[in-house]
């Protein structure tokens, strides 16, 4: 089972769709897709991947910091 991760760039989505198709061709289940740098996934994306869009990850201007950082 795989989870495909992509950015919203057209070229990235196209490559991620190819990766999902290849995984299926090899008999691997595509559990879903995660889109980074977006508050919500682009419309129509689930149809392109024939998979569930699991989540979108918004872009952050500053990196997250851990409470254990020194």
Protein backbone atom coordinates (compact mmCIF):
# COMPACT_ATOMS: atom_id res chain seq x y z
CA UNK A 1 0.00 0.00 0.00
CA UNK A 2 1.28 3.49 -0.87
CA UNK A 3 0.31 7.08 -0.13
CA UNK A 4 1.12 9.51 -2.93
CA UNK A 5 2.36 12.97 -1.89
CA UNK A 6 2.39 15.86 -4.36
CA UNK A 7 2.55 19.63 -4.58
CA UNK A 8 -0.24 21.46 -6.45
CA UNK A 9 2.06 22.21 -9.43
CA UNK A 10 0.69 20.75 -12.66
CA UNK A 11 3.91 18.84 -13.43
CA UNK A 12 3.99 17.39 -9.90
CA UNK A 13 0.36 16.28 -10.08
CA UNK A 14 1.00 14.67 -13.48
CA UNK A 15 4.03 12.77 -12.13
CA UNK A 16 2.15 11.73 -9.00
CA UNK A 17 -0.71 10.39 -11.15
CA UNK A 18 1.83 8.37 -13.15
CA UNK A 19 3.28 7.01 -9.90
CA UNK A 20 -0.19 5.99 -8.69
CA UNK A 21 -0.94 4.31 -12.03
CA UNK A 22 2.35 2.41 -11.94
CA UNK A 23 1.69 1.28 -8.37
CA UNK A 24 -1.72 -0.06 -9.41
CA UNK A 25 -0.21 -1.77 -12.46
CA UNK A 26 2.17 -3.56 -10.10
CA UNK A 27 -0.72 -4.66 -7.88
CA UNK A 28 -0.14 -2.13 -5.10
CA UNK A 29 -3.09 -0.35 -3.50
CA UNK A 30 -2.99 3.45 -3.52
CA UNK A 31 -4.37 4.37 -0.10
CA UNK A 32 -4.75 8.03 -1.01
CA UNK A 33 -3.14 11.32 -1.94
CA UNK A 34 -1.72 14.14 0.18
CA UNK A 35 -1.29 17.59 -1.40
CA UNK A 36 1.29 19.90 0.16
CA UNK A 37 1.42 23.72 0.03
CA UNK A 38 -2.40 24.03 -0.14
CA UNK A 39 -5.16 24.74 2.37
CA UNK A 40 -7.45 22.50 0.34
CA UNK A 41 -6.80 20.15 -2.57
CA UNK A 42 -7.45 21.35 -6.13
CA UNK A 43 -10.90 20.43 -7.53
CA UNK A 44 -11.10 17.24 -9.54
CA UNK A 45 -7.92 15.79 -8.12
CA UNK A 46 -9.54 12.66 -6.66
CA UNK A 47 -10.93 11.75 -10.08
CA UNK A 48 -7.49 12.08 -11.62
CA UNK A 49 -5.99 9.69 -9.09
CA UNK A 50 -9.04 7.45 -8.66
CA UNK A 51 -8.19 7.67 -4.96
CA UNK A 52 -9.24 9.38 -1.82
CA UNK A 53 -7.60 12.73 -1.16
CA UNK A 54 -6.42 12.12 2.38
CA UNK A 55 -5.32 15.59 3.32
CA UNK A 56 -3.84 18.87 2.21
CA UNK A 57 -0.95 20.48 4.06
CA UNK A 58 -0.88 24.29 4.04
CA UNK A 59 2.30 26.17 3.27
CA UNK A 60 3.95 27.86 6.23
CA UNK A 61 6.01 31.02 6.08
CA UNK A 62 8.14 29.89 9.04
CA UNK A 63 9.20 26.36 9.96
CA UNK A 64 7.54 24.74 12.93
CA UNK A 65 9.59 24.72 16.10
CA UNK A 66 9.61 22.06 18.72
CA UNK A 67 9.32 22.92 22.39
CA UNK A 68 12.57 20.98 22.89
CA UNK A 69 14.54 23.16 20.43
CA UNK A 70 17.45 24.98 22.00
